[in-house]
Amino acid sequence: MSYFSRFYKKENLISRSLDIDEELYEELEKLSKKVYEASISKLVNASIEKIIETENIQLYERKNKSYVSRSFLIRESLLEGLYTLKEKYRISICLLVNIAIRNALIEEDIICIDKKTKTT
């Protein structure tokens, strides 16, 4: 493994406007500003990549139905993967991205909890 293999190779980025659950977006903002050296678009791309890989698509019920429309730069290959999932599961791209972000945030919370218990 080379020093730079953790970085992605250049790929076309496609701008997409998506309606994102406001609570999920706020969590992404916090992670982008305070935890990771990554833009919100990069966090979204990582979330999308994982849902394409695992197909862990679990619909969830929302209490507050507040969405914000945001533009993201999504890697072309991931957008193609989203369209494949859309056809397979008959779920909109926006909902798939929201599920992907939610899955990532849930996993992030689990990781944070694990780190806290290991240090105490």
N, C-alpha and C. Protein backbone atom coordinates (compact mmCIF):
# COMPACT_ATOMS: atom_id res chain seq x y z
N MET A 1 0.86 -1.17 0.00
CA MET A 1 0.00 0.00 0.00
C MET A 1 0.90 1.24 0.00
N SER A 2 0.64 2.13 -0.93
CA SER A 2 1.46 3.34 -1.01
C SER A 2 0.98 4.39 -0.01
N TYR A 3 1.78 5.40 0.16
CA TYR A 3 1.43 6.49 1.06
C TYR A 3 0.12 7.17 0.65
N PHE A 4 -0.08 7.25 -0.64
CA PHE A 4 -1.22 8.01 -1.14
C PHE A 4 -2.42 7.16 -1.53
N SER A 5 -2.37 5.87 -1.27
CA SER A 5 -3.46 4.99 -1.69
C SER A 5 -4.76 5.24 -0.93
N ARG A 6 -4.70 5.97 0.16
CA ARG A 6 -5.94 6.25 0.89
C ARG A 6 -6.77 7.34 0.21
N PHE A 7 -6.17 8.01 -0.78
CA PHE A 7 -6.88 9.05 -1.53
C PHE A 7 -7.49 8.44 -2.78
N TYR A 8 -8.62 8.99 -3.19
CA TYR A 8 -9.28 8.52 -4.40
C TYR A 8 -8.59 9.07 -5.63
N LYS A 9 -8.64 8.31 -6.70
CA LYS A 9 -8.16 8.79 -7.99
C LYS A 9 -9.15 9.84 -8.49
N LYS A 10 -8.67 10.72 -9.34
CA LYS A 10 -9.54 11.76 -9.91
C LYS A 10 -10.72 11.13 -10.64
N GLU A 11 -11.86 11.72 -10.46
CA GLU A 11 -13.08 11.24 -11.11
C GLU A 11 -13.98 12.45 -11.35
N ASN A 12 -14.82 12.34 -12.36
CA ASN A 12 -15.75 13.43 -12.62
C ASN A 12 -16.68 13.61 -11.43
N LEU A 13 -16.86 14.86 -11.04
CA LEU A 13 -17.80 15.20 -9.97
C LEU A 13 -19.01 15.84 -10.61
N ILE A 14 -20.17 15.39 -10.20
CA ILE A 14 -21.42 15.90 -10.78
C ILE A 14 -22.19 16.61 -9.67
N SER A 15 -22.59 17.83 -9.97
CA SER A 15 -23.35 18.61 -9.00
C SER A 15 -24.81 18.17 -9.01
N ARG A 16 -25.31 17.84 -7.83
CA ARG A 16 -26.72 17.44 -7.69
C ARG A 16 -27.32 18.17 -6.51
N SER A 17 -28.51 18.69 -6.70
CA SER A 17 -29.27 19.28 -5.60
C SER A 17 -30.18 18.21 -5.05
N LEU A 18 -30.11 18.02 -3.74
CA LEU A 18 -30.90 16.99 -3.08
C LEU A 18 -31.57 17.56 -1.85
N ASP A 19 -32.75 17.06 -1.54
CA ASP A 19 -33.44 17.43 -0.31
C ASP A 19 -32.94 16.51 0.79
N ILE A 20 -32.28 17.11 1.78
CA ILE A 20 -31.67 16.34 2.87
C ILE A 20 -32.38 16.68 4.17
N ASP A 21 -32.60 15.66 4.95
CA ASP A 21 -33.17 15.83 6.29
C ASP A 21 -32.32 16.87 7.02
N GLU A 22 -32.96 17.90 7.51
CA GLU A 22 -32.25 19.02 8.13
C GLU A 22 -31.39 18.57 9.32
N GLU A 23 -31.89 17.66 10.12
CA GLU A 23 -31.12 17.17 11.27
C GLU A 23 -29.86 16.43 10.81
N LEU A 24 -29.99 15.63 9.76
CA LEU A 24 -28.84 14.91 9.23
C LEU A 24 -27.80 15.88 8.69
N TYR A 25 -28.28 16.90 7.98
CA TYR A 25 -27.36 17.89 7.40
C TYR A 25 -26.60 18.63 8.50
N GLU A 26 -27.29 18.98 9.57
CA GLU A 26 -26.63 19.67 10.69
C GLU A 26 -25.54 18.81 11.31
N GLU A 27 -25.78 17.51 11.41
CA GLU A 27 -24.77 16.60 11.94
C GLU A 27 -23.56 16.52 11.00
N LEU A 28 -23.83 16.50 9.69
CA LEU A 28 -22.73 16.49 8.73
C LEU A 28 -21.89 17.77 8.85
N GLU A 29 -22.57 18.90 9.05
CA GLU A 29 -21.85 20.17 9.23
C GLU A 29 -20.91 20.11 10.43
N LYS A 30 -21.41 19.56 11.54
CA LYS A 30 -20.58 19.44 12.74
C LYS A 30 -19.36 18.57 12.47
N LEU A 31 -19.58 17.44 11.82
CA LEU A 31 -18.46 16.54 11.53
C LEU A 31 -17.44 17.20 10.60
N SER A 32 -17.93 17.93 9.63
CA SER A 32 -17.05 18.59 8.67
C SER A 32 -16.24 19.71 9.32
N LYS A 33 -16.85 20.44 10.22
CA LYS A 33 -16.18 21.58 10.85
C LYS A 33 -15.30 21.18 12.03
N LYS A 34 -15.72 20.17 12.80
CA LYS A 34 -15.06 19.91 14.07
C LYS A 34 -14.29 18.59 14.15
N VAL A 35 -14.60 17.64 13.29
CA VAL A 35 -14.02 16.31 13.47
C VAL A 35 -13.10 15.91 12.31
N TYR A 36 -13.62 16.02 11.10
CA TYR A 36 -12.88 15.51 9.95
C TYR A 36 -12.38 16.62 9.05
N GLU A 37 -11.29 16.34 8.38
CA GLU A 37 -10.74 17.23 7.38
C GLU A 37 -11.39 16.88 6.04
N ALA A 38 -12.69 17.12 5.96
CA ALA A 38 -13.45 16.75 4.77
C ALA A 38 -14.64 17.69 4.62
N SER A 39 -14.95 17.98 3.37
CA SER A 39 -16.13 18.80 3.10
C SER A 39 -17.38 17.96 3.32
N ILE A 40 -18.51 18.63 3.36
CA ILE A 40 -19.78 17.91 3.51
C ILE A 40 -19.99 17.00 2.30
N SER A 41 -19.64 17.47 1.11
CA SER A 41 -19.77 16.64 -0.10
C SER A 41 -18.95 15.36 0.03
N LYS A 42 -17.75 15.45 0.58
CA LYS A 42 -16.93 14.25 0.74
C LYS A 42 -17.53 13.29 1.76
N LEU A 43 -18.12 13.83 2.80
CA LEU A 43 -18.80 12.98 3.78
C LEU A 43 -20.01 12.29 3.15
N VAL A 44 -20.74 13.02 2.32
CA VAL A 44 -21.89 12.45 1.62
C VAL A 44 -21.42 11.36 0.66
N ASN A 45 -20.34 11.61 -0.07
CA ASN A 45 -19.80 10.60 -0.98
C ASN A 45 -19.41 9.33 -0.24
N ALA A 46 -18.77 9.48 0.91
CA ALA A 46 -18.38 8.31 1.70
C ALA A 46 -19.63 7.53 2.15
N SER A 47 -20.67 8.25 2.52
CA SER A 47 -21.93 7.60 2.94
C SER A 47 -22.56 6.85 1.77
N ILE A 48 -22.57 7.48 0.61
CA ILE A 48 -23.15 6.85 -0.58
C ILE A 48 -22.35 5.61 -0.96
N GLU A 49 -21.03 5.72 -0.91
CA GLU A 49 -20.18 4.59 -1.28
C GLU A 49 -20.51 3.37 -0.40
N LYS A 50 -20.70 3.61 0.87
CA LYS A 50 -20.98 2.51 1.81
C LYS A 50 -22.35 1.87 1.54
N ILE A 51 -23.36 2.69 1.25
CA ILE A 51 -24.69 2.11 1.02
C ILE A 51 -24.72 1.32 -0.29
N ILE A 52 -23.95 1.76 -1.27
CA ILE A 52 -23.87 1.01 -2.52
C ILE A 52 -23.19 -0.33 -2.26
N GLU A 53 -22.15 -0.29 -1.45
CA GLU A 53 -21.38 -1.49 -1.12
C GLU A 53 -22.21 -2.50 -0.31
N THR A 54 -22.93 -2.02 0.69
CA THR A 54 -23.63 -2.92 1.62
C THR A 54 -25.09 -3.15 1.27
N GLU A 55 -25.69 -2.22 0.53
CA GLU A 55 -27.13 -2.23 0.25
C GLU A 55 -27.94 -2.30 1.55
N ASN A 56 -27.43 -1.65 2.58
CA ASN A 56 -28.11 -1.59 3.88
C ASN A 56 -29.17 -0.47 3.81
N ILE A 57 -30.29 -0.81 3.21
CA ILE A 57 -31.35 0.17 2.99
C ILE A 57 -32.50 -0.12 3.93
N GLN A 58 -32.57 0.68 4.98
CA GLN A 58 -33.62 0.53 5.97
C GLN A 58 -34.40 1.84 6.04
N LEU A 59 -35.65 1.77 5.65
CA LEU A 59 -36.49 2.96 5.73
C LEU A 59 -36.69 3.32 7.19
N TYR A 60 -36.81 4.58 7.46
CA TYR A 60 -36.99 5.03 8.84
C TYR A 60 -38.07 6.09 8.88
N GLU A 61 -38.71 6.17 10.03
CA GLU A 61 -39.78 7.14 10.23
C GLU A 61 -39.20 8.40 10.86
N ARG A 62 -39.58 9.52 10.33
CA ARG A 62 -39.08 10.79 10.84
C ARG A 62 -40.16 11.48 11.63
N LYS A 63 -39.77 12.07 12.74
CA LYS A 63 -40.72 12.82 13.55
C LYS A 63 -40.96 14.20 12.93
N ASN A 64 -39.88 14.89 12.65
CA ASN A 64 -39.93 16.23 12.09
C ASN A 64 -39.58 16.15 10.61
N LYS A 65 -40.48 16.55 9.75
CA LYS A 65 -40.25 16.41 8.32
C LYS A 65 -39.73 17.70 7.70
N SER A 66 -38.58 18.12 8.15
CA SER A 66 -37.96 19.34 7.66
C SER A 66 -36.76 18.99 6.79
N TYR A 67 -36.81 19.40 5.54
CA TYR A 67 -35.73 19.12 4.60
C TYR A 67 -35.12 20.42 4.11
N VAL A 68 -33.84 20.36 3.79
CA VAL A 68 -33.15 21.50 3.17
C VAL A 68 -32.63 21.02 1.83
N SER A 69 -32.73 21.88 0.84
CA SER A 69 -32.21 21.55 -0.48
C SER A 69 -30.77 22.02 -0.54
N ARG A 70 -29.86 21.11 -0.81
CA ARG A 70 -28.44 21.41 -0.86
C ARG A 70 -27.83 20.81 -2.12
N SER A 71 -26.79 21.46 -2.60
CA SER A 71 -26.05 20.94 -3.74
C SER A 71 -24.81 20.22 -3.25
N PHE A 72 -24.55 19.07 -3.84
CA PHE A 72 -23.39 18.26 -3.50
C PHE A 72 -22.64 17.90 -4.77
N LEU A 73 -21.34 17.75 -4.65
CA LEU A 73 -20.54 17.22 -5.74
C LEU A 73 -20.39 15.73 -5.49
N ILE A 74 -21.03 14.94 -6.35
CA ILE A 74 -21.04 13.49 -6.16
C ILE A 74 -20.20 12.84 -7.26
N ARG A 75 -19.36 11.90 -6.84
CA ARG A 75 -18.53 11.19 -7.81
C ARG A 75 -19.42 10.46 -8.81
N GLU A 76 -19.04 10.51 -10.07
CA GLU A 76 -19.85 9.95 -11.15
C GLU A 76 -20.17 8.47 -10.92
N SER A 77 -19.19 7.69 -10.50
CA SER A 77 -19.42 6.26 -10.28
C SER A 77 -20.45 6.03 -9.17
N LEU A 78 -20.43 6.90 -8.15
CA LEU A 78 -21.40 6.74 -7.06
C LEU A 78 -22.80 7.12 -7.52
N LEU A 79 -22.91 8.10 -8.38
CA LEU A 79 -24.21 8.48 -8.91
C LEU A 79 -24.80 7.33 -9.72
N GLU A 80 -23.95 6.66 -10.50
CA GLU A 80 -24.40 5.50 -11.26
C GLU A 80 -24.87 4.40 -10.31
N GLY A 81 -24.14 4.19 -9.21
CA GLY A 81 -24.54 3.20 -8.21
C GLY A 81 -25.88 3.54 -7.57
N LEU A 82 -26.10 4.84 -7.33
CA LEU A 82 -27.39 5.27 -6.76
C LEU A 82 -28.53 4.96 -7.73
N TYR A 83 -28.31 5.21 -9.01
CA TYR A 83 -29.37 4.92 -9.99
C TYR A 83 -29.66 3.42 -10.06
N THR A 84 -28.65 2.60 -9.88
CA THR A 84 -28.85 1.15 -9.85
C THR A 84 -29.70 0.76 -8.64
N LEU A 85 -29.37 1.34 -7.47
CA LEU A 85 -30.17 1.06 -6.26
C LEU A 85 -31.59 1.58 -6.41
N LYS A 86 -31.73 2.74 -7.04
CA LYS A 86 -33.06 3.32 -7.26
C LYS A 86 -33.93 2.37 -8.06
N GLU A 87 -33.38 1.80 -9.12
CA GLU A 87 -34.14 0.86 -9.94
C GLU A 87 -34.44 -0.43 -9.17
N LYS A 88 -33.46 -0.91 -8.43
CA LYS A 88 -33.61 -2.18 -7.71
C LYS A 88 -34.63 -2.08 -6.59
N TYR A 89 -34.60 -1.00 -5.81
CA TYR A 89 -35.45 -0.88 -4.63
C TYR A 89 -36.63 0.07 -4.82
N ARG A 90 -36.68 0.75 -5.96
CA ARG A 90 -37.76 1.70 -6.27
C ARG A 90 -37.88 2.78 -5.18
N ILE A 91 -36.72 3.36 -4.85
CA ILE A 91 -36.63 4.43 -3.86
C ILE A 91 -35.95 5.61 -4.53
N SER A 92 -36.41 6.80 -4.25
CA SER A 92 -35.84 7.99 -4.87
C SER A 92 -34.37 8.19 -4.47
N ILE A 93 -33.64 8.89 -5.31
CA ILE A 93 -32.24 9.20 -5.04
C ILE A 93 -32.12 9.98 -3.73
N CYS A 94 -33.01 10.96 -3.53
CA CYS A 94 -32.96 11.77 -2.29
C CYS A 94 -33.12 10.89 -1.06
N LEU A 95 -34.06 9.98 -1.10
CA LEU A 95 -34.28 9.10 0.05
C LEU A 95 -33.09 8.17 0.26
N LEU A 96 -32.53 7.65 -0.82
CA LEU A 96 -31.35 6.79 -0.70
C LEU A 96 -30.18 7.54 -0.05
N VAL A 97 -29.98 8.79 -0.45
CA VAL A 97 -28.89 9.57 0.11
C VAL A 97 -29.16 9.86 1.59
N ASN A 98 -30.40 10.17 1.94
CA ASN A 98 -30.74 10.40 3.35
C ASN A 98 -30.50 9.13 4.17
N ILE A 99 -30.87 7.98 3.64
CA ILE A 99 -30.63 6.72 4.35
C ILE A 99 -29.14 6.48 4.49
N ALA A 100 -28.39 6.76 3.44
CA ALA A 100 -26.93 6.57 3.47
C ALA A 100 -26.29 7.44 4.55
N ILE A 101 -26.72 8.70 4.60
CA ILE A 101 -26.18 9.63 5.61
C ILE A 101 -26.56 9.16 7.00
N ARG A 102 -27.81 8.77 7.17
CA ARG A 102 -28.28 8.30 8.48
C ARG A 102 -27.48 7.09 8.92
N ASN A 103 -27.27 6.13 8.00
CA ASN A 103 -26.48 4.94 8.33
C ASN A 103 -25.07 5.33 8.79
N ALA A 104 -24.46 6.26 8.07
CA ALA A 104 -23.11 6.70 8.40
C ALA A 104 -23.07 7.37 9.77
N LEU A 105 -24.06 8.19 10.05
CA LEU A 105 -24.10 8.88 11.34
C LEU A 105 -24.35 7.91 12.49
N ILE A 106 -25.17 6.91 12.25
CA ILE A 106 -25.40 5.88 13.27
C ILE A 106 -24.09 5.14 13.54
N GLU A 107 -23.39 4.76 12.49
CA GLU A 107 -22.12 4.07 12.66
C GLU A 107 -21.10 4.98 13.35
N GLU A 108 -21.11 6.25 13.02
CA GLU A 108 -20.20 7.22 13.65
C GLU A 108 -20.47 7.30 15.15
N ASP A 109 -21.73 7.30 15.53
CA ASP A 109 -22.08 7.32 16.96
C ASP A 109 -21.59 6.06 17.64
N ILE A 110 -21.72 4.92 16.99
CA ILE A 110 -21.25 3.66 17.56
C ILE A 110 -19.74 3.71 17.74
N ILE A 111 -19.04 4.23 16.75
CA ILE A 111 -17.59 4.35 16.84
C ILE A 111 -17.21 5.27 17.99
N CYS A 112 -17.89 6.40 18.13
CA CYS A 112 -17.60 7.34 19.22
C CYS A 112 -17.85 6.68 20.57
N ILE A 113 -18.92 5.92 20.70
CA ILE A 113 -19.25 5.24 21.94
C ILE A 113 -18.16 4.22 22.27
N ASP A 114 -17.73 3.45 21.25
CA ASP A 114 -16.67 2.46 21.46
C ASP A 114 -15.39 3.12 21.94
N LYS A 115 -15.00 4.26 21.39
CA LYS A 115 -13.79 4.95 21.79
C LYS A 115 -13.90 5.43 23.23
N LYS A 116 -15.08 5.91 23.62
CA LYS A 116 -15.28 6.40 24.99
C LYS A 116 -15.16 5.27 26.00
N THR A 117 -15.72 4.10 25.67
CA THR A 117 -15.67 2.99 26.61
C THR A 117 -14.28 2.39 26.71
N LYS A 118 -13.49 2.48 25.64
CA LYS A 118 -12.13 1.94 25.67
C LYS A 118 -11.19 2.80 26.50
N THR A 119 -11.46 4.11 26.55
CA THR A 119 -10.57 5.00 27.29
C THR A 119 -10.91 5.08 28.75
N THR A 120 -12.10 4.62 29.15
CA THR A 120 -12.48 4.69 30.57
C THR A 120 -12.21 3.41 31.28
